[in-house]
Amino acid sequence: MFYTQEQLWSIGFGSIGDNVLISDKASIYNAKNIHVGSNVRIDDFCILSAGSGGIYIGNYVHIACMVTMIGAAKITLEDFSNVSGKCSIYSSSDDFSGKYLIGPTLPKGFSNVKDSPVFLRKYVILGCNTVVLPGVNIGEGAAIGALSLVSSDVEPYSVCVGSPLRKVKDRKREMVELSKRLEDESK
C-alpha cells in the first residue's frame, strides 16, 4: 500500500510533487528536510533519514525496495535517476582509524564523523546492492553494476562495476532524447 496524498502532506515533507507513490512501509526521518519531485515511487522498507543537508529527489525517480539514504550532508537524486533494491547511499561516515569512538550515541569530541554531499546526476542507475559513500558525484547518465562500491566520482555516461569500481564501457545516450520527448508530451 502507498500513502494517500493527504497522508503524504501530513508527514511534513519539505516539498512534494504530483503523482508521488511512497510505500506506507517506508521509514521517513526528518521529513521537513526531504524534497520529492513529481512522478516518484519509493518502495517498501526504504529508509530515508535526512540530516541538515537534506535529501532532494527529482522527477521521474524510482527508489526500489530496501534502499537506505542516510547522512547529515545533502543527498541529491536528479531527474530520471533510479536506485535498485538494497542500495545504500551515505553522506556521512565515521572515522575508522581507531583514533575515535564510533556511533551516533557519543557526545561531540569522542567521534569524528565526516559529512560530504552525494550527487546522482540525471539518468543515473545504481544496480542492486550498490553502496555509495560520502562525497561522491556520479556523472550524468552513468550506470553502476550490481554489488559495486562507489567511493569516488564517476564519469558521465560510463558503465562501471565492482569493488574497486572500474569503468567497463561507455553508455549510450538515447535516454536524453526520450526524456525530452516525455517532458514535451506531458505539457
N, C-alpha and C. Protein backbone atom coordinates (compact mmCIF):
# COMPACT_ATOMS: atom_id res chain seq x y z
N MET A 1 0.83 -1.19 0.00
CA MET A 1 0.00 0.00 0.00
C MET A 1 0.88 1.26 0.00
N PHE A 2 0.39 2.26 -0.67
CA PHE A 2 1.07 3.55 -0.70
C PHE A 2 0.28 4.57 0.11
N TYR A 3 1.00 5.54 0.66
CA TYR A 3 0.34 6.64 1.37
C TYR A 3 -0.58 7.39 0.41
N THR A 4 -1.68 7.89 0.92
CA THR A 4 -2.55 8.77 0.14
C THR A 4 -1.89 10.14 0.06
N GLN A 5 -2.37 10.98 -0.84
CA GLN A 5 -1.83 12.34 -0.96
C GLN A 5 -1.99 13.09 0.36
N GLU A 6 -3.12 12.92 1.01
CA GLU A 6 -3.36 13.58 2.30
C GLU A 6 -2.35 13.10 3.35
N GLN A 7 -2.10 11.80 3.38
CA GLN A 7 -1.13 11.25 4.34
C GLN A 7 0.28 11.77 4.05
N LEU A 8 0.63 11.87 2.77
CA LEU A 8 1.96 12.38 2.41
C LEU A 8 2.14 13.80 2.94
N TRP A 9 1.13 14.64 2.78
CA TRP A 9 1.24 16.01 3.27
C TRP A 9 1.35 16.04 4.78
N SER A 10 0.65 15.12 5.45
CA SER A 10 0.67 15.13 6.92
C SER A 10 2.02 14.67 7.48
N ILE A 11 2.81 13.96 6.69
CA ILE A 11 4.14 13.53 7.14
C ILE A 11 5.05 14.73 7.34
N GLY A 12 4.83 15.79 6.56
CA GLY A 12 5.60 17.01 6.75
C GLY A 12 6.83 17.16 5.87
N PHE A 13 6.79 16.59 4.66
CA PHE A 13 7.91 16.75 3.73
C PHE A 13 8.19 18.22 3.47
N GLY A 14 9.45 18.55 3.18
CA GLY A 14 9.82 19.92 2.82
C GLY A 14 9.05 20.38 1.60
N SER A 15 8.92 19.50 0.63
CA SER A 15 8.08 19.73 -0.55
C SER A 15 7.79 18.38 -1.17
N ILE A 16 6.67 18.33 -1.88
CA ILE A 16 6.29 17.08 -2.53
C ILE A 16 5.52 17.40 -3.81
N GLY A 17 5.89 16.71 -4.89
CA GLY A 17 5.29 16.97 -6.20
C GLY A 17 4.00 16.19 -6.41
N ASP A 18 3.64 16.07 -7.68
CA ASP A 18 2.43 15.34 -8.08
C ASP A 18 2.79 13.90 -8.44
N ASN A 19 1.79 13.04 -8.33
CA ASN A 19 1.94 11.64 -8.72
C ASN A 19 3.10 10.98 -7.97
N VAL A 20 3.08 11.12 -6.65
CA VAL A 20 4.12 10.54 -5.80
C VAL A 20 3.54 9.33 -5.08
N LEU A 21 4.23 8.20 -5.19
CA LEU A 21 3.84 6.97 -4.51
C LEU A 21 4.95 6.57 -3.54
N ILE A 22 4.65 6.61 -2.25
CA ILE A 22 5.60 6.20 -1.22
C ILE A 22 4.95 5.11 -0.39
N SER A 23 5.62 3.98 -0.30
CA SER A 23 5.09 2.85 0.47
C SER A 23 4.84 3.25 1.92
N ASP A 24 3.75 2.75 2.46
CA ASP A 24 3.50 3.01 3.88
C ASP A 24 4.40 2.14 4.76
N LYS A 25 5.24 1.33 4.15
CA LYS A 25 6.23 0.53 4.89
C LYS A 25 7.62 1.18 4.85
N ALA A 26 7.73 2.34 4.21
CA ALA A 26 9.00 3.08 4.19
C ALA A 26 9.14 3.85 5.51
N SER A 27 10.38 4.04 5.94
CA SER A 27 10.66 4.81 7.15
C SER A 27 11.24 6.15 6.75
N ILE A 28 10.60 7.21 7.22
CA ILE A 28 10.98 8.57 6.86
C ILE A 28 11.39 9.31 8.13
N TYR A 29 12.62 9.85 8.17
CA TYR A 29 13.12 10.60 9.32
C TYR A 29 13.50 12.01 8.88
N ASN A 30 13.10 13.00 9.67
CA ASN A 30 13.34 14.41 9.35
C ASN A 30 12.72 14.79 8.01
N ALA A 31 11.45 14.46 7.87
CA ALA A 31 10.72 14.69 6.61
C ALA A 31 10.82 16.14 6.14
N LYS A 32 10.90 17.08 7.07
CA LYS A 32 10.97 18.50 6.67
C LYS A 32 12.20 18.79 5.83
N ASN A 33 13.21 17.92 5.89
CA ASN A 33 14.43 18.09 5.10
C ASN A 33 14.45 17.23 3.85
N ILE A 34 13.30 16.65 3.51
CA ILE A 34 13.20 15.79 2.33
C ILE A 34 12.29 16.47 1.31
N HIS A 35 12.80 16.60 0.08
CA HIS A 35 12.07 17.25 -1.01
C HIS A 35 11.91 16.24 -2.14
N VAL A 36 10.65 16.02 -2.54
CA VAL A 36 10.34 14.98 -3.52
C VAL A 36 9.68 15.64 -4.73
N GLY A 37 10.20 15.36 -5.92
CA GLY A 37 9.63 15.89 -7.16
C GLY A 37 8.37 15.14 -7.56
N SER A 38 8.00 15.26 -8.82
CA SER A 38 6.80 14.61 -9.36
C SER A 38 7.15 13.29 -10.03
N ASN A 39 6.15 12.41 -10.10
CA ASN A 39 6.32 11.10 -10.74
C ASN A 39 7.44 10.31 -10.09
N VAL A 40 7.34 10.16 -8.78
CA VAL A 40 8.33 9.46 -7.97
C VAL A 40 7.66 8.28 -7.29
N ARG A 41 8.40 7.16 -7.22
CA ARG A 41 7.92 5.99 -6.47
C ARG A 41 9.02 5.52 -5.54
N ILE A 42 8.66 5.35 -4.26
CA ILE A 42 9.57 4.83 -3.25
C ILE A 42 8.92 3.58 -2.67
N ASP A 43 9.59 2.45 -2.80
CA ASP A 43 9.00 1.15 -2.48
C ASP A 43 9.18 0.75 -1.02
N ASP A 44 8.70 -0.45 -0.70
CA ASP A 44 8.68 -0.99 0.66
C ASP A 44 10.07 -1.01 1.30
N PHE A 45 10.07 -0.77 2.61
CA PHE A 45 11.21 -0.96 3.50
C PHE A 45 12.41 -0.06 3.20
N CYS A 46 12.17 1.06 2.52
CA CYS A 46 13.23 2.05 2.32
C CYS A 46 13.37 2.87 3.60
N ILE A 47 14.58 3.37 3.84
CA ILE A 47 14.85 4.27 4.95
C ILE A 47 15.44 5.55 4.37
N LEU A 48 14.73 6.65 4.57
CA LEU A 48 15.23 7.97 4.18
C LEU A 48 15.41 8.76 5.46
N SER A 49 16.66 8.97 5.84
CA SER A 49 16.99 9.69 7.07
C SER A 49 17.81 10.92 6.70
N ALA A 50 17.13 12.06 6.64
CA ALA A 50 17.75 13.29 6.16
C ALA A 50 18.37 14.07 7.30
N GLY A 51 19.62 14.45 7.11
CA GLY A 51 20.27 15.35 8.05
C GLY A 51 19.99 16.79 7.65
N SER A 52 20.79 17.70 8.16
CA SER A 52 20.57 19.12 7.89
C SER A 52 20.74 19.47 6.41
N GLY A 53 21.54 18.69 5.67
CA GLY A 53 21.74 18.94 4.24
C GLY A 53 20.54 18.57 3.40
N GLY A 54 19.74 17.65 3.89
CA GLY A 54 18.51 17.26 3.21
C GLY A 54 18.70 16.18 2.16
N ILE A 55 17.57 15.63 1.73
CA ILE A 55 17.50 14.69 0.62
C ILE A 55 16.63 15.33 -0.44
N TYR A 56 17.15 15.41 -1.66
CA TYR A 56 16.45 16.04 -2.78
C TYR A 56 16.25 15.00 -3.88
N ILE A 57 15.00 14.70 -4.18
CA ILE A 57 14.65 13.70 -5.18
C ILE A 57 13.95 14.41 -6.33
N GLY A 58 14.50 14.26 -7.53
CA GLY A 58 13.95 14.94 -8.71
C GLY A 58 12.69 14.28 -9.24
N ASN A 59 12.40 14.52 -10.51
CA ASN A 59 11.21 14.00 -11.18
C ASN A 59 11.53 12.68 -11.88
N TYR A 60 10.51 11.82 -11.97
CA TYR A 60 10.64 10.52 -12.63
C TYR A 60 11.75 9.69 -12.02
N VAL A 61 11.72 9.57 -10.71
CA VAL A 61 12.73 8.81 -9.97
C VAL A 61 12.06 7.60 -9.33
N HIS A 62 12.73 6.46 -9.40
CA HIS A 62 12.27 5.25 -8.71
C HIS A 62 13.32 4.83 -7.70
N ILE A 63 12.88 4.59 -6.47
CA ILE A 63 13.74 4.07 -5.41
C ILE A 63 13.15 2.73 -5.01
N ALA A 64 13.84 1.65 -5.35
CA ALA A 64 13.32 0.30 -5.15
C ALA A 64 13.37 -0.11 -3.67
N CYS A 65 12.85 -1.28 -3.40
CA CYS A 65 12.71 -1.76 -2.02
C CYS A 65 14.05 -1.88 -1.30
N MET A 66 14.00 -1.61 0.00
CA MET A 66 15.12 -1.78 0.93
C MET A 66 16.31 -0.87 0.66
N VAL A 67 16.08 0.28 0.07
CA VAL A 67 17.14 1.27 -0.15
C VAL A 67 17.28 2.11 1.11
N THR A 68 18.53 2.45 1.46
CA THR A 68 18.77 3.38 2.57
C THR A 68 19.51 4.60 2.04
N MET A 69 19.06 5.76 2.51
CA MET A 69 19.74 7.03 2.23
C MET A 69 19.88 7.73 3.57
N ILE A 70 21.12 7.85 4.04
CA ILE A 70 21.37 8.31 5.40
C ILE A 70 22.55 9.27 5.41
N GLY A 71 22.46 10.34 6.20
CA GLY A 71 23.60 11.20 6.42
C GLY A 71 23.23 12.64 6.68
N ALA A 72 24.17 13.36 7.26
CA ALA A 72 23.95 14.77 7.59
C ALA A 72 24.06 15.68 6.38
N ALA A 73 24.94 15.34 5.42
CA ALA A 73 25.13 16.18 4.23
C ALA A 73 24.05 15.88 3.20
N LYS A 74 23.97 16.74 2.22
CA LYS A 74 22.95 16.67 1.17
C LYS A 74 23.10 15.41 0.31
N ILE A 75 21.96 14.78 0.01
CA ILE A 75 21.90 13.67 -0.95
C ILE A 75 20.94 14.11 -2.05
N THR A 76 21.40 14.10 -3.30
CA THR A 76 20.60 14.54 -4.43
C THR A 76 20.46 13.43 -5.46
N LEU A 77 19.21 13.13 -5.83
CA LEU A 77 18.91 12.22 -6.93
C LEU A 77 18.21 13.06 -7.99
N GLU A 78 18.92 13.36 -9.08
CA GLU A 78 18.36 14.21 -10.12
C GLU A 78 17.34 13.45 -10.97
N ASP A 79 16.64 14.18 -11.84
CA ASP A 79 15.58 13.62 -12.68
C ASP A 79 16.03 12.36 -13.41
N PHE A 80 15.09 11.41 -13.51
CA PHE A 80 15.26 10.16 -14.24
C PHE A 80 16.34 9.25 -13.66
N SER A 81 16.77 9.49 -12.43
CA SER A 81 17.72 8.57 -11.81
C SER A 81 16.94 7.45 -11.12
N ASN A 82 17.58 6.31 -10.98
CA ASN A 82 16.93 5.13 -10.40
C ASN A 82 17.90 4.42 -9.47
N VAL A 83 17.36 3.95 -8.35
CA VAL A 83 18.15 3.25 -7.36
C VAL A 83 17.53 1.87 -7.17
N SER A 84 18.25 0.82 -7.53
CA SER A 84 17.75 -0.55 -7.43
C SER A 84 17.74 -1.04 -5.98
N GLY A 85 17.09 -2.16 -5.77
CA GLY A 85 16.89 -2.71 -4.43
C GLY A 85 18.16 -2.92 -3.63
N LYS A 86 18.05 -2.66 -2.34
CA LYS A 86 19.08 -2.89 -1.34
C LYS A 86 20.32 -2.02 -1.50
N CYS A 87 20.22 -0.92 -2.25
CA CYS A 87 21.35 0.02 -2.35
C CYS A 87 21.41 0.86 -1.08
N SER A 88 22.61 1.34 -0.77
CA SER A 88 22.81 2.23 0.37
C SER A 88 23.58 3.45 -0.10
N ILE A 89 23.06 4.63 0.26
CA ILE A 89 23.71 5.90 -0.08
C ILE A 89 23.97 6.63 1.22
N TYR A 90 25.24 6.96 1.48
CA TYR A 90 25.65 7.60 2.72
C TYR A 90 26.29 8.95 2.43
N SER A 91 25.87 9.98 3.16
CA SER A 91 26.54 11.28 3.06
C SER A 91 27.32 11.59 4.34
N SER A 92 27.41 10.63 5.23
CA SER A 92 28.20 10.75 6.46
C SER A 92 28.89 9.42 6.72
N SER A 93 30.08 9.49 7.34
CA SER A 93 30.81 8.28 7.69
C SER A 93 31.66 8.51 8.92
N ASP A 94 31.70 7.51 9.77
CA ASP A 94 32.58 7.55 10.94
C ASP A 94 34.04 7.42 10.52
N ASP A 95 34.93 7.79 11.42
CA ASP A 95 36.37 7.64 11.24
C ASP A 95 36.75 6.26 11.78
N PHE A 96 37.20 5.39 10.91
CA PHE A 96 37.52 4.00 11.27
C PHE A 96 38.99 3.80 11.62
N SER A 97 39.74 4.88 11.81
CA SER A 97 41.19 4.79 12.05
C SER A 97 41.53 4.18 13.40
N GLY A 98 40.60 4.20 14.33
CA GLY A 98 40.87 3.74 15.68
C GLY A 98 41.21 4.88 16.63
N LYS A 99 41.30 6.10 16.09
CA LYS A 99 41.59 7.27 16.92
C LYS A 99 40.36 7.79 17.64
N TYR A 100 39.18 7.35 17.22
CA TYR A 100 37.91 7.84 17.76
C TYR A 100 36.97 6.68 18.04
N LEU A 101 35.97 6.96 18.84
CA LEU A 101 34.89 6.00 19.04
C LEU A 101 33.92 6.14 17.88
N ILE A 102 33.10 5.11 17.69
CA ILE A 102 32.18 5.09 16.56
C ILE A 102 30.76 4.90 17.08
N GLY A 103 29.85 5.70 16.54
CA GLY A 103 28.44 5.51 16.84
C GLY A 103 27.71 6.81 17.10
N PRO A 104 26.40 6.81 16.86
CA PRO A 104 25.61 8.04 16.97
C PRO A 104 25.26 8.44 18.40
N THR A 105 25.57 7.62 19.37
CA THR A 105 25.19 7.93 20.75
C THR A 105 26.27 8.69 21.51
N LEU A 106 27.40 8.95 20.86
CA LEU A 106 28.54 9.58 21.53
C LEU A 106 28.42 11.10 21.58
N PRO A 107 28.92 11.71 22.68
CA PRO A 107 28.98 13.17 22.72
C PRO A 107 30.06 13.68 21.75
N LYS A 108 29.91 14.96 21.35
CA LYS A 108 30.90 15.58 20.46
C LYS A 108 32.30 15.45 21.06
N GLY A 109 33.28 15.26 20.18
CA GLY A 109 34.66 15.16 20.61
C GLY A 109 35.14 13.72 20.78
N PHE A 110 34.21 12.79 20.88
CA PHE A 110 34.59 11.38 21.03
C PHE A 110 34.53 10.61 19.71
N SER A 111 33.84 11.18 18.72
CA SER A 111 33.79 10.58 17.39
C SER A 111 34.26 11.61 16.38
N ASN A 112 34.48 11.19 15.16
CA ASN A 112 34.96 12.07 14.11
C ASN A 112 34.22 11.74 12.82
N VAL A 113 32.97 12.18 12.75
CA VAL A 113 32.13 11.90 11.59
C VAL A 113 32.44 12.91 10.49
N LYS A 114 32.62 12.40 9.28
CA LYS A 114 32.86 13.24 8.11
C LYS A 114 31.58 13.28 7.28
N ASP A 115 31.13 14.48 6.95
CA ASP A 115 29.93 14.67 6.14
C ASP A 115 30.32 15.29 4.81
N SER A 116 29.79 14.73 3.71
CA SER A 116 30.09 15.26 2.39
C SER A 116 28.94 14.90 1.44
N PRO A 117 28.47 15.85 0.64
CA PRO A 117 27.29 15.60 -0.20
C PRO A 117 27.51 14.52 -1.25
N VAL A 118 26.39 13.91 -1.64
CA VAL A 118 26.38 12.88 -2.68
C VAL A 118 25.42 13.31 -3.77
N PHE A 119 25.85 13.14 -5.02
CA PHE A 119 25.02 13.51 -6.16
C PHE A 119 24.89 12.35 -7.14
N LEU A 120 23.65 11.99 -7.47
CA LEU A 120 23.35 11.11 -8.58
C LEU A 120 22.74 12.02 -9.64
N ARG A 121 23.47 12.26 -10.71
CA ARG A 121 23.02 13.18 -11.75
C ARG A 121 21.93 12.53 -12.60
N LYS A 122 21.39 13.30 -13.54
CA LYS A 122 20.29 12.81 -14.38
C LYS A 122 20.66 11.47 -15.04
N TYR A 123 19.68 10.59 -15.12
CA TYR A 123 19.75 9.30 -15.82
C TYR A 123 20.66 8.27 -15.17
N VAL A 124 21.12 8.50 -13.97
CA VAL A 124 21.98 7.52 -13.29
C VAL A 124 21.15 6.33 -12.86
N ILE A 125 21.72 5.15 -12.96
CA ILE A 125 21.11 3.92 -12.45
C ILE A 125 22.14 3.23 -11.55
N LEU A 126 21.69 2.88 -10.35
CA LEU A 126 22.51 2.07 -9.44
C LEU A 126 21.96 0.65 -9.45
N GLY A 127 22.79 -0.34 -9.77
CA GLY A 127 22.39 -1.74 -9.71
C GLY A 127 22.22 -2.19 -8.27
N CYS A 128 21.48 -3.25 -8.07
CA CYS A 128 21.13 -3.71 -6.71
C CYS A 128 22.37 -3.95 -5.84
N ASN A 129 22.20 -3.65 -4.56
CA ASN A 129 23.22 -3.84 -3.55
C ASN A 129 24.46 -2.96 -3.74
N THR A 130 24.34 -1.88 -4.45
CA THR A 130 25.45 -0.94 -4.60
C THR A 130 25.53 -0.06 -3.36
N VAL A 131 26.75 0.29 -2.95
CA VAL A 131 26.97 1.19 -1.83
C VAL A 131 27.67 2.44 -2.36
N VAL A 132 27.11 3.61 -2.03
CA VAL A 132 27.68 4.90 -2.42
C VAL A 132 28.13 5.61 -1.16
N LEU A 133 29.40 5.99 -1.12
CA LEU A 133 29.99 6.61 0.07
C LEU A 133 29.96 8.14 -0.02
N PRO A 134 30.16 8.83 1.10
CA PRO A 134 30.09 10.29 1.13
C PRO A 134 31.05 10.95 0.14
N GLY A 135 30.59 12.08 -0.41
CA GLY A 135 31.43 12.90 -1.27
C GLY A 135 31.46 12.49 -2.73
N VAL A 136 30.64 11.52 -3.12
CA VAL A 136 30.68 11.01 -4.48
C VAL A 136 29.73 11.80 -5.39
N ASN A 137 30.21 12.07 -6.61
CA ASN A 137 29.41 12.68 -7.66
C ASN A 137 29.36 11.68 -8.81
N ILE A 138 28.19 11.07 -9.02
CA ILE A 138 28.03 10.11 -10.12
C ILE A 138 27.50 10.90 -11.31
N GLY A 139 28.32 10.99 -12.35
CA GLY A 139 28.04 11.84 -13.50
C GLY A 139 26.79 11.44 -14.26
N GLU A 140 26.23 12.42 -14.97
CA GLU A 140 25.02 12.22 -15.75
C GLU A 140 25.12 10.97 -16.61
N GLY A 141 24.05 10.16 -16.57
CA GLY A 141 23.94 9.00 -17.44
C GLY A 141 24.78 7.81 -17.06
N ALA A 142 25.49 7.86 -15.96
CA ALA A 142 26.34 6.72 -15.57
C ALA A 142 25.48 5.56 -15.08
N ALA A 143 25.95 4.36 -15.33
CA ALA A 143 25.30 3.14 -14.85
C ALA A 143 26.29 2.38 -13.98
N ILE A 144 25.85 2.02 -12.78
CA ILE A 144 26.71 1.29 -11.85
C ILE A 144 26.15 -0.12 -11.71
N GLY A 145 26.98 -1.12 -11.94
CA GLY A 145 26.56 -2.51 -11.88
C GLY A 145 26.27 -2.97 -10.46
N ALA A 146 25.52 -4.05 -10.35
CA ALA A 146 25.14 -4.62 -9.06
C ALA A 146 26.38 -4.95 -8.21
N LEU A 147 26.22 -4.83 -6.90
CA LEU A 147 27.24 -5.20 -5.91
C LEU A 147 28.50 -4.35 -6.02
N SER A 148 28.36 -3.11 -6.44
CA SER A 148 29.52 -2.22 -6.59
C SER A 148 29.68 -1.32 -5.37
N LEU A 149 30.91 -0.85 -5.18
CA LEU A 149 31.23 0.13 -4.14
C LEU A 149 31.71 1.39 -4.83
N VAL A 150 30.97 2.48 -4.64
CA VAL A 150 31.29 3.75 -5.28
C VAL A 150 31.89 4.67 -4.22
N SER A 151 33.21 4.83 -4.27
CA SER A 151 33.91 5.63 -3.26
C SER A 151 34.57 6.87 -3.86
N SER A 152 34.45 7.04 -5.18
CA SER A 152 34.99 8.24 -5.83
C SER A 152 34.09 8.60 -7.00
N ASP A 153 34.30 9.79 -7.56
CA ASP A 153 33.45 10.29 -8.63
C ASP A 153 33.43 9.35 -9.84
N VAL A 154 32.31 9.39 -10.57
CA VAL A 154 32.12 8.54 -11.75
C VAL A 154 31.88 9.44 -12.96
N GLU A 155 32.57 9.13 -14.06
CA GLU A 155 32.45 9.91 -15.29
C GLU A 155 31.03 9.80 -15.86
N PRO A 156 30.55 10.89 -16.49
CA PRO A 156 29.25 10.83 -17.16
C PRO A 156 29.22 9.74 -18.23
N TYR A 157 28.07 9.12 -18.39
CA TYR A 157 27.80 8.12 -19.44
C TYR A 157 28.81 7.00 -19.48
N SER A 158 29.24 6.57 -18.31
CA SER A 158 30.12 5.41 -18.22
C SER A 158 29.36 4.27 -17.54
N VAL A 159 29.76 3.06 -17.85
CA VAL A 159 29.24 1.87 -17.18
C VAL A 159 30.37 1.34 -16.31
N CYS A 160 30.13 1.28 -15.01
CA CYS A 160 31.16 0.90 -14.06
C CYS A 160 30.66 -0.24 -13.18
N VAL A 161 31.60 -1.10 -12.76
CA VAL A 161 31.23 -2.25 -11.92
C VAL A 161 32.34 -2.53 -10.91
N GLY A 162 31.95 -3.20 -9.84
CA GLY A 162 32.92 -3.82 -8.96
C GLY A 162 33.32 -3.04 -7.73
N SER A 163 34.29 -3.68 -7.04
CA SER A 163 34.89 -3.12 -5.84
C SER A 163 36.34 -3.61 -5.81
N PRO A 164 37.29 -2.80 -6.23
CA PRO A 164 37.15 -1.38 -6.55
C PRO A 164 36.40 -1.16 -7.87
N LEU A 165 35.72 -0.02 -7.94
CA LEU A 165 34.92 0.32 -9.11
C LEU A 165 35.82 0.56 -10.31
N ARG A 166 35.42 0.02 -11.45
CA ARG A 166 36.19 0.23 -12.68
C ARG A 166 35.23 0.41 -13.86
N LYS A 167 35.62 1.25 -14.80
CA LYS A 167 34.82 1.50 -15.99
C LYS A 167 35.00 0.34 -16.96
N VAL A 168 33.88 -0.16 -17.50
CA VAL A 168 33.96 -1.25 -18.46
C VAL A 168 33.57 -0.82 -19.88
N LYS A 169 32.78 0.26 -19.99
CA LYS A 169 32.43 0.77 -21.31
C LYS A 169 31.68 2.08 -21.17
N ASP A 170 31.38 2.69 -22.31
CA ASP A 170 30.56 3.90 -22.34
C ASP A 170 29.09 3.50 -22.46
N ARG A 171 28.22 4.37 -21.96
CA ARG A 171 26.77 4.12 -22.02
C ARG A 171 26.17 4.97 -23.13
N LYS A 172 25.20 4.41 -23.83
CA LYS A 172 24.51 5.15 -24.88
C LYS A 172 23.72 6.30 -24.28
N ARG A 173 23.32 7.27 -25.12
CA ARG A 173 22.68 8.49 -24.64
C ARG A 173 21.27 8.69 -25.16
N GLU A 174 20.66 7.67 -25.72
CA GLU A 174 19.32 7.82 -26.28
C GLU A 174 18.29 8.25 -25.25
N MET A 175 18.54 7.96 -23.97
CA MET A 175 17.59 8.32 -22.93
C MET A 175 17.39 9.83 -22.82
N VAL A 176 18.37 10.61 -23.24
CA VAL A 176 18.25 12.06 -23.16
C VAL A 176 17.13 12.54 -24.08
N GLU A 177 17.14 12.05 -25.31
CA GLU A 177 16.11 12.44 -26.27
C GLU A 177 14.73 11.92 -25.83
N LEU A 178 14.68 10.72 -25.28
CA LEU A 178 13.41 10.18 -24.79
C LEU A 178 12.85 11.01 -23.65
N SER A 179 13.71 11.46 -22.75
CA SER A 179 13.23 12.28 -21.63
C SER A 179 12.68 13.62 -22.13
N LYS A 180 13.31 14.20 -23.14
CA LYS A 180 12.81 15.46 -23.70
C LYS A 180 11.45 15.25 -24.33
N ARG A 181 11.31 14.13 -25.06
CA ARG A 181 10.00 13.83 -25.69
C ARG A 181 8.93 13.63 -24.64
N LEU A 182 9.26 12.90 -23.56
CA LEU A 182 8.30 12.68 -22.48
C LEU A 182 7.89 14.00 -21.84
N GLU A 183 8.84 14.86 -21.55
CA GLU A 183 8.52 16.16 -20.96
C GLU A 183 7.69 17.02 -21.88
N ASP A 184 7.98 16.99 -23.20
CA ASP A 184 7.18 17.75 -24.16
C ASP A 184 5.74 17.24 -24.23
N GLU A 185 5.59 15.92 -24.22
CA GLU A 185 4.24 15.31 -24.27
C GLU A 185 3.45 15.54 -22.98
N SER A 186 4.14 15.77 -21.89
CA SER A 186 3.48 15.96 -20.59
C SER A 186 2.98 17.38 -20.39
N LYS A 187 3.36 18.30 -21.28
CA LYS A 187 2.96 19.70 -21.12
C LYS A 187 1.54 19.93 -21.54
